[in-house]
Amino acid sequence: MHIAIAACRTNPQLSLSNKTLQSALETCGARVSVLNWNEHSAADFLSCDLTLLRQTWDYQNDPGGFAAWLIRLNAMGGQIEARPDLAIWNNDKRTLIEIKAAGVEIPETYRSVEDAIASQGDRGSTEKLVLKPAFGGDGVGVEETCLSEIEATRTKIERDVPGRPILVQEFLPEIDDGEWKMTCIDGKVELAVQAKPMTGEFRINSRFGPTIAAAEPPAAARSAAEKIMAFVGAPLCARVDGVMREDRFICTELELCDPDLHLHYAPEVATILAEATLRRIDGEQA
């Protein structure tokens, strides 16, 4: 079997996690090609039995182009690990609001600065909020603010990442205790890490130097992640992130398309994903 790991022009070299997956796939007998979604031809992807969306990390610079690529590849008969409509839906962070339908808590979230202002009312409030681009990654454009500073913060983000919609969320002080990042395969949590921010920082993307360690997630976190997986149809793999507020899990992000699955922390989980990937191909070809 021939598998494509989709990467991108700006990140063509596989991450440690994705190298671990590549090794596991090859050990299971698959041939693996690393192809950039925005550089290699459709024919390159069509020559593979399945395309894994593991490292398409610059989609946020051209979400329309990325969506068009997924739709075109699917229409040409290419097999993709996630349904194009589901991947496109998930790439907009504002769709986190819809996750509530799975019976899982999320941070108070507003689709726009205007919605936040209309809801909050008090323009002089100093209560902390977080602004972030709806299409984004690696913490770029994610800023802490409050209603009294929200316009200035929006201006800064629009300067840093122009042309992207901006959403607003409540600030979660629980982030100081760490965010749980759970790798799900075929709908089940198979691996979790806890990422803790540096002192004085609330962002835990890798460029902000968080401390990351594999750990057993709280039962409430595991249950919530698996509810979300059922809600989105148990994709091949995904990552669910969130924090604990006392004994409740609050989901901060669902990543179906290109999350770091942290497989280098547990190579045996890479084998589980490799075997699930080959079963998925067998099911498609049956």
Protein backbone atom coordinates (compact mmCIF):
# COMPACT_ATOMS: atom_id res chain seq x y z
CA MET A 1 0.00 0.00 0.00
CA HIS A 2 1.18 3.50 -0.85
CA ILE A 3 0.35 6.27 1.61
CA ALA A 4 0.87 10.02 1.22
CA ILE A 5 1.59 12.13 4.26
CA ALA A 6 0.45 15.58 3.18
CA ALA A 7 2.85 18.29 4.29
CA CYS A 8 3.21 21.83 2.96
CA ARG A 9 5.62 24.14 1.20
CA THR A 10 6.53 25.99 4.40
CA ASN A 11 6.98 22.80 6.48
CA PRO A 12 8.14 20.06 4.08
CA GLN A 13 10.26 18.18 6.64
CA LEU A 14 8.24 15.87 8.86
CA SER A 15 7.94 16.63 12.56
CA LEU A 16 9.25 14.12 15.09
CA SER A 17 5.70 12.87 15.66
CA ASN A 18 5.05 12.39 11.96
CA LYS A 19 8.42 10.72 11.43
CA THR A 20 7.36 8.27 14.14
CA LEU A 21 4.15 7.61 12.20
CA GLN A 22 6.05 7.20 8.94
CA SER A 23 8.33 4.63 10.57
CA ALA A 24 5.34 2.73 11.98
CA LEU A 25 3.60 2.68 8.59
CA GLU A 26 6.73 1.38 6.89
CA THR A 27 7.18 -1.28 9.57
CA CYS A 28 3.62 -2.40 8.80
CA GLY A 29 4.59 -2.80 5.15
CA ALA A 30 3.36 0.46 3.62
CA ARG A 31 5.28 2.71 1.25
CA VAL A 32 5.15 6.34 2.37
CA SER A 33 5.60 9.50 0.30
CA VAL A 34 5.73 12.98 1.83
CA LEU A 35 3.92 15.34 -0.55
CA ASN A 36 3.20 19.05 -0.13
CA TRP A 37 -0.45 19.89 -0.68
CA ASN A 38 0.42 23.24 -2.26
CA GLU A 39 3.36 22.05 -4.36
CA HIS A 40 2.92 18.48 -5.63
CA SER A 41 0.51 17.59 -8.39
CA ALA A 42 -2.86 15.92 -7.99
CA ALA A 43 -1.42 12.97 -9.92
CA ASP A 44 1.19 12.49 -7.17
CA PHE A 45 -1.57 12.18 -4.57
CA LEU A 46 -3.80 10.05 -6.81
CA SER A 47 -0.99 7.52 -7.14
CA CYS A 48 -1.38 6.82 -3.40
CA ASP A 49 -4.02 4.66 -1.74
CA LEU A 50 -4.69 7.23 1.00
CA THR A 51 -3.67 10.78 1.86
CA LEU A 52 -3.09 11.60 5.52
CA LEU A 53 -3.55 15.28 6.42
CA ARG A 54 -0.79 15.27 8.98
CA GLN A 55 1.27 18.38 8.29
CA THR A 56 -0.67 20.84 6.13
CA TRP A 57 0.40 23.56 8.52
CA ASP A 58 0.17 26.58 6.23
CA TYR A 59 -3.47 26.11 5.17
CA GLN A 60 -4.41 29.18 7.22
CA ASN A 61 -2.51 31.37 4.75
CA ASP A 62 -4.84 30.20 1.98
CA PRO A 63 -7.90 28.47 3.47
CA GLY A 64 -9.85 28.87 0.25
CA GLY A 65 -7.06 27.28 -1.78
CA PHE A 66 -6.74 24.44 0.71
CA ALA A 67 -10.48 23.79 0.64
CA ALA A 68 -10.43 23.79 -3.17
CA TRP A 69 -7.53 21.31 -3.15
CA LEU A 70 -9.41 18.91 -0.85
CA ILE A 71 -12.59 19.12 -2.92
CA ARG A 72 -10.72 18.67 -6.21
CA LEU A 73 -8.68 15.71 -4.95
CA ASN A 74 -11.81 14.03 -3.63
CA ALA A 75 -13.71 14.64 -6.88
CA MET A 76 -10.85 13.04 -8.83
CA GLY A 77 -11.16 9.88 -6.75
CA GLY A 78 -8.39 10.51 -4.25
CA GLN A 79 -8.86 8.86 -0.86
CA ILE A 80 -8.40 11.29 2.04
CA GLU A 81 -8.34 10.39 5.72
CA ALA A 82 -11.03 12.96 6.60
CA ARG A 83 -14.12 13.89 4.62
CA PRO A 84 -13.32 17.16 2.82
CA ASP A 85 -16.44 18.88 4.14
CA LEU A 86 -15.56 17.90 7.70
CA ALA A 87 -11.94 19.03 7.36
CA ILE A 88 -13.00 22.36 5.83
CA TRP A 89 -15.59 22.86 8.58
CA ASN A 90 -13.06 22.13 11.33
CA ASN A 91 -10.40 24.46 9.94
CA ASP A 92 -12.55 27.43 10.99
CA LYS A 93 -12.04 27.73 14.76
CA ARG A 94 -15.44 29.38 15.14
CA THR A 95 -17.05 25.98 14.61
CA LEU A 96 -15.97 25.09 18.15
CA ILE A 97 -19.32 26.61 19.13
CA GLU A 98 -21.06 23.70 17.41
CA ILE A 99 -19.20 21.18 19.57
CA LYS A 100 -21.59 22.06 22.41
CA ALA A 101 -24.12 19.86 20.63
CA ALA A 102 -21.98 16.88 21.67
CA GLY A 103 -22.77 17.69 25.31
CA VAL A 104 -19.31 19.09 25.99
CA GLU A 105 -18.46 22.43 27.57
CA ILE A 106 -16.44 25.01 25.65
CA PRO A 107 -15.13 28.45 26.65
CA GLU A 108 -17.62 31.26 26.21
CA THR A 109 -17.01 32.04 22.55
CA TYR A 110 -18.12 34.84 20.21
CA ARG A 111 -17.87 34.63 16.45
CA SER A 112 -16.67 38.23 16.13
CA VAL A 113 -15.47 41.23 18.09
CA GLU A 114 -18.83 42.88 17.42
CA ASP A 115 -20.70 39.92 18.95
CA ALA A 116 -18.48 40.07 22.05
CA ILE A 117 -19.05 43.79 22.49
CA ALA A 118 -22.80 43.43 22.02
CA SER A 119 -22.98 40.61 24.53
CA GLN A 120 -20.61 41.98 27.16
CA GLY A 121 -22.00 45.50 27.05
CA ASP A 122 -19.53 47.15 29.42
CA ARG A 123 -16.87 48.63 27.11
CA GLY A 124 -14.80 49.61 30.14
CA SER A 125 -14.54 46.08 31.52
CA THR A 126 -11.07 44.81 32.38
CA GLU A 127 -12.09 41.14 32.53
CA LYS A 128 -9.64 39.11 30.47
CA LEU A 129 -10.55 37.89 27.00
CA VAL A 130 -8.62 36.15 24.23
CA LEU A 131 -8.72 37.19 20.59
CA LYS A 132 -7.52 34.82 17.87
CA PRO A 133 -7.79 34.41 14.09
CA ALA A 134 -10.49 31.99 13.00
CA PHE A 135 -7.93 30.48 10.63
CA GLY A 136 -4.62 30.18 12.40
CA GLY A 137 -1.93 28.05 13.93
CA ASP A 138 1.16 28.09 16.12
CA GLY A 139 -0.35 30.83 18.30
CA VAL A 140 0.10 33.49 15.60
CA GLY A 141 -2.25 36.39 16.24
CA VAL A 142 -3.49 35.02 19.57
CA GLU A 143 -3.65 37.87 22.07
CA GLU A 144 -4.91 38.47 25.60
CA THR A 145 -7.06 41.56 25.98
CA CYS A 146 -10.18 42.99 27.65
CA LEU A 147 -13.18 44.95 26.40
CA SER A 148 -11.54 48.29 27.14
CA GLU A 149 -8.61 47.28 24.88
CA ILE A 150 -10.42 45.07 22.39
CA GLU A 151 -10.34 47.46 19.43
CA ALA A 152 -6.62 48.10 19.80
CA THR A 153 -5.99 44.37 20.04
CA ARG A 154 -8.07 43.70 16.96
CA THR A 155 -6.07 46.31 15.05
CA LYS A 156 -2.83 44.61 16.07
CA ILE A 157 -4.04 41.18 14.93
CA GLU A 158 -5.34 42.57 11.65
CA ARG A 159 -1.90 44.07 11.07
CA ASP A 160 -0.11 40.81 11.92
CA VAL A 161 -2.45 38.47 9.98
CA PRO A 162 -4.52 40.61 7.63
CA GLY A 163 -7.75 39.42 6.09
CA ARG A 164 -8.69 36.80 8.66
CA PRO A 165 -11.90 36.79 10.73
CA ILE A 166 -11.31 37.13 14.46
CA LEU A 167 -13.14 35.33 17.25
CA VAL A 168 -13.28 36.14 20.95
CA GLN A 169 -13.19 33.76 23.90
CA GLU A 170 -13.21 34.00 27.64
CA PHE A 171 -9.78 33.77 29.21
CA LEU A 172 -9.27 30.45 31.00
CA PRO A 173 -7.11 30.85 34.13
CA GLU A 174 -7.11 27.03 34.38
CA ILE A 175 -4.53 27.04 31.58
CA ASP A 176 -1.90 27.60 34.29
CA ASP A 177 -2.53 24.01 35.42
CA GLY A 178 -1.96 22.77 31.89
CA GLU A 179 -3.97 21.90 28.82
CA TRP A 180 -4.80 18.28 28.03
CA LYS A 181 -4.11 17.25 24.42
CA MET A 182 -5.66 13.88 23.62
CA THR A 183 -4.86 11.87 20.51
CA CYS A 184 -7.89 9.92 19.35
CA ILE A 185 -7.79 7.00 16.90
CA ASP A 186 -11.00 5.49 15.52
CA GLY A 187 -12.95 7.42 18.12
CA LYS A 188 -10.97 6.38 21.21
CA VAL A 189 -8.36 8.27 23.25
CA GLU A 190 -5.08 6.39 22.81
CA LEU A 191 -2.60 8.99 24.08
CA ALA A 192 -2.64 12.18 26.11
CA VAL A 193 -0.09 14.79 27.00
CA GLN A 194 -0.37 17.68 29.40
CA ALA A 195 1.13 20.95 28.18
CA LYS A 196 1.89 23.65 30.74
CA PRO A 197 2.74 27.21 29.72
CA MET A 198 5.85 29.08 30.75
CA THR A 199 5.47 31.36 33.78
CA GLY A 200 3.64 34.50 32.73
CA GLU A 201 2.47 33.00 29.42
CA PHE A 202 -0.97 31.63 28.51
CA ARG A 203 -0.16 30.35 25.03
CA ILE A 204 1.15 26.80 24.87
CA ASN A 205 2.10 26.48 21.22
CA SER A 206 5.56 25.03 20.81
CA ARG A 207 7.21 28.36 20.02
CA PHE A 208 6.22 29.63 23.46
CA GLY A 209 8.22 26.93 25.23
CA PRO A 210 5.61 24.92 27.14
CA THR A 211 6.45 21.90 29.26
CA ILE A 212 4.92 18.77 27.72
CA ALA A 213 4.68 15.32 29.27
CA ALA A 214 2.64 12.22 28.53
CA ALA A 215 0.10 11.53 31.26
CA GLU A 216 -3.16 9.75 31.95
CA PRO A 217 -6.02 12.22 31.33
CA PRO A 218 -8.81 12.71 33.84
CA ALA A 219 -11.81 10.48 33.25
CA ALA A 220 -13.97 13.52 32.44
CA ALA A 221 -11.51 14.64 29.77
CA ARG A 222 -11.38 11.20 28.16
CA SER A 223 -15.18 10.91 28.19
CA ALA A 224 -15.62 14.36 26.63
CA ALA A 225 -13.07 13.65 23.89
CA GLU A 226 -14.82 10.43 22.94
CA LYS A 227 -18.21 12.17 22.91
CA ILE A 228 -16.76 14.68 20.44
CA MET A 229 -15.35 11.86 18.32
CA ALA A 230 -18.79 10.26 18.14
CA PHE A 231 -20.29 13.65 17.24
CA VAL A 232 -17.98 14.05 14.23
CA GLY A 233 -18.23 10.44 13.10
CA ALA A 234 -15.16 8.79 14.64
CA PRO A 235 -12.51 9.94 12.14
CA LEU A 236 -9.30 7.98 11.64
CA CYS A 237 -7.46 10.30 14.00
CA ALA A 238 -7.89 13.67 15.64
CA ARG A 239 -6.82 15.63 18.68
CA VAL A 240 -9.05 17.11 21.36
CA ASP A 241 -7.62 19.82 23.64
CA GLY A 242 -8.99 21.33 26.80
CA VAL A 243 -8.60 22.23 30.44
CA MET A 244 -10.12 20.98 33.65
CA ARG A 245 -12.30 23.33 35.72
CA GLU A 246 -12.58 21.42 38.97
CA ASP A 247 -14.03 18.09 37.78
CA ARG A 248 -15.36 19.40 34.42
CA PHE A 249 -13.60 19.33 31.08
CA ILE A 250 -13.74 22.43 28.88
CA CYS A 251 -12.85 21.76 25.25
CA THR A 252 -10.65 24.49 23.80
CA GLU A 253 -10.02 22.96 20.38
CA LEU A 254 -10.86 20.06 18.09
CA GLU A 255 -8.25 19.38 15.41
CA LEU A 256 -9.19 16.94 12.68
CA CYS A 257 -6.92 18.06 9.91
CA ASP A 258 -3.29 18.47 10.87
CA PRO A 259 -2.67 18.26 14.61
CA ASP A 260 0.56 17.25 16.26
CA LEU A 261 -0.44 13.85 17.61
CA HIS A 262 2.62 13.62 19.93
CA LEU A 263 3.32 10.09 18.70
CA HIS A 264 7.02 10.34 19.58
CA TYR A 265 5.96 10.21 23.24
CA ALA A 266 4.44 6.77 22.67
CA PRO A 267 5.67 4.97 19.52
CA GLU A 268 3.30 2.10 20.30
CA VAL A 269 0.42 4.48 19.60
CA ALA A 270 1.96 5.24 16.20
CA THR A 271 1.68 1.52 15.51
CA ILE A 272 -1.99 1.58 16.54
CA LEU A 273 -2.57 4.45 14.11
CA ALA A 274 -0.58 2.74 11.34
CA GLU A 275 -2.65 -0.43 11.71
CA ALA A 276 -5.89 1.58 11.77
CA THR A 277 -4.75 3.40 8.62
CA LEU A 278 -4.17 0.15 6.75
CA ARG A 279 -7.54 -1.18 7.90
CA ARG A 280 -9.13 2.02 6.59
CA ILE A 281 -7.56 1.45 3.19
CA ASP A 282 -8.70 -2.19 3.16
CA GLY A 283 -12.23 -1.01 3.96
CA GLU A 284 -12.20 1.54 1.13
CA GLN A 285 -10.88 -1.01 -1.36
CA ALA A 286 -13.24 -3.82 -0.33
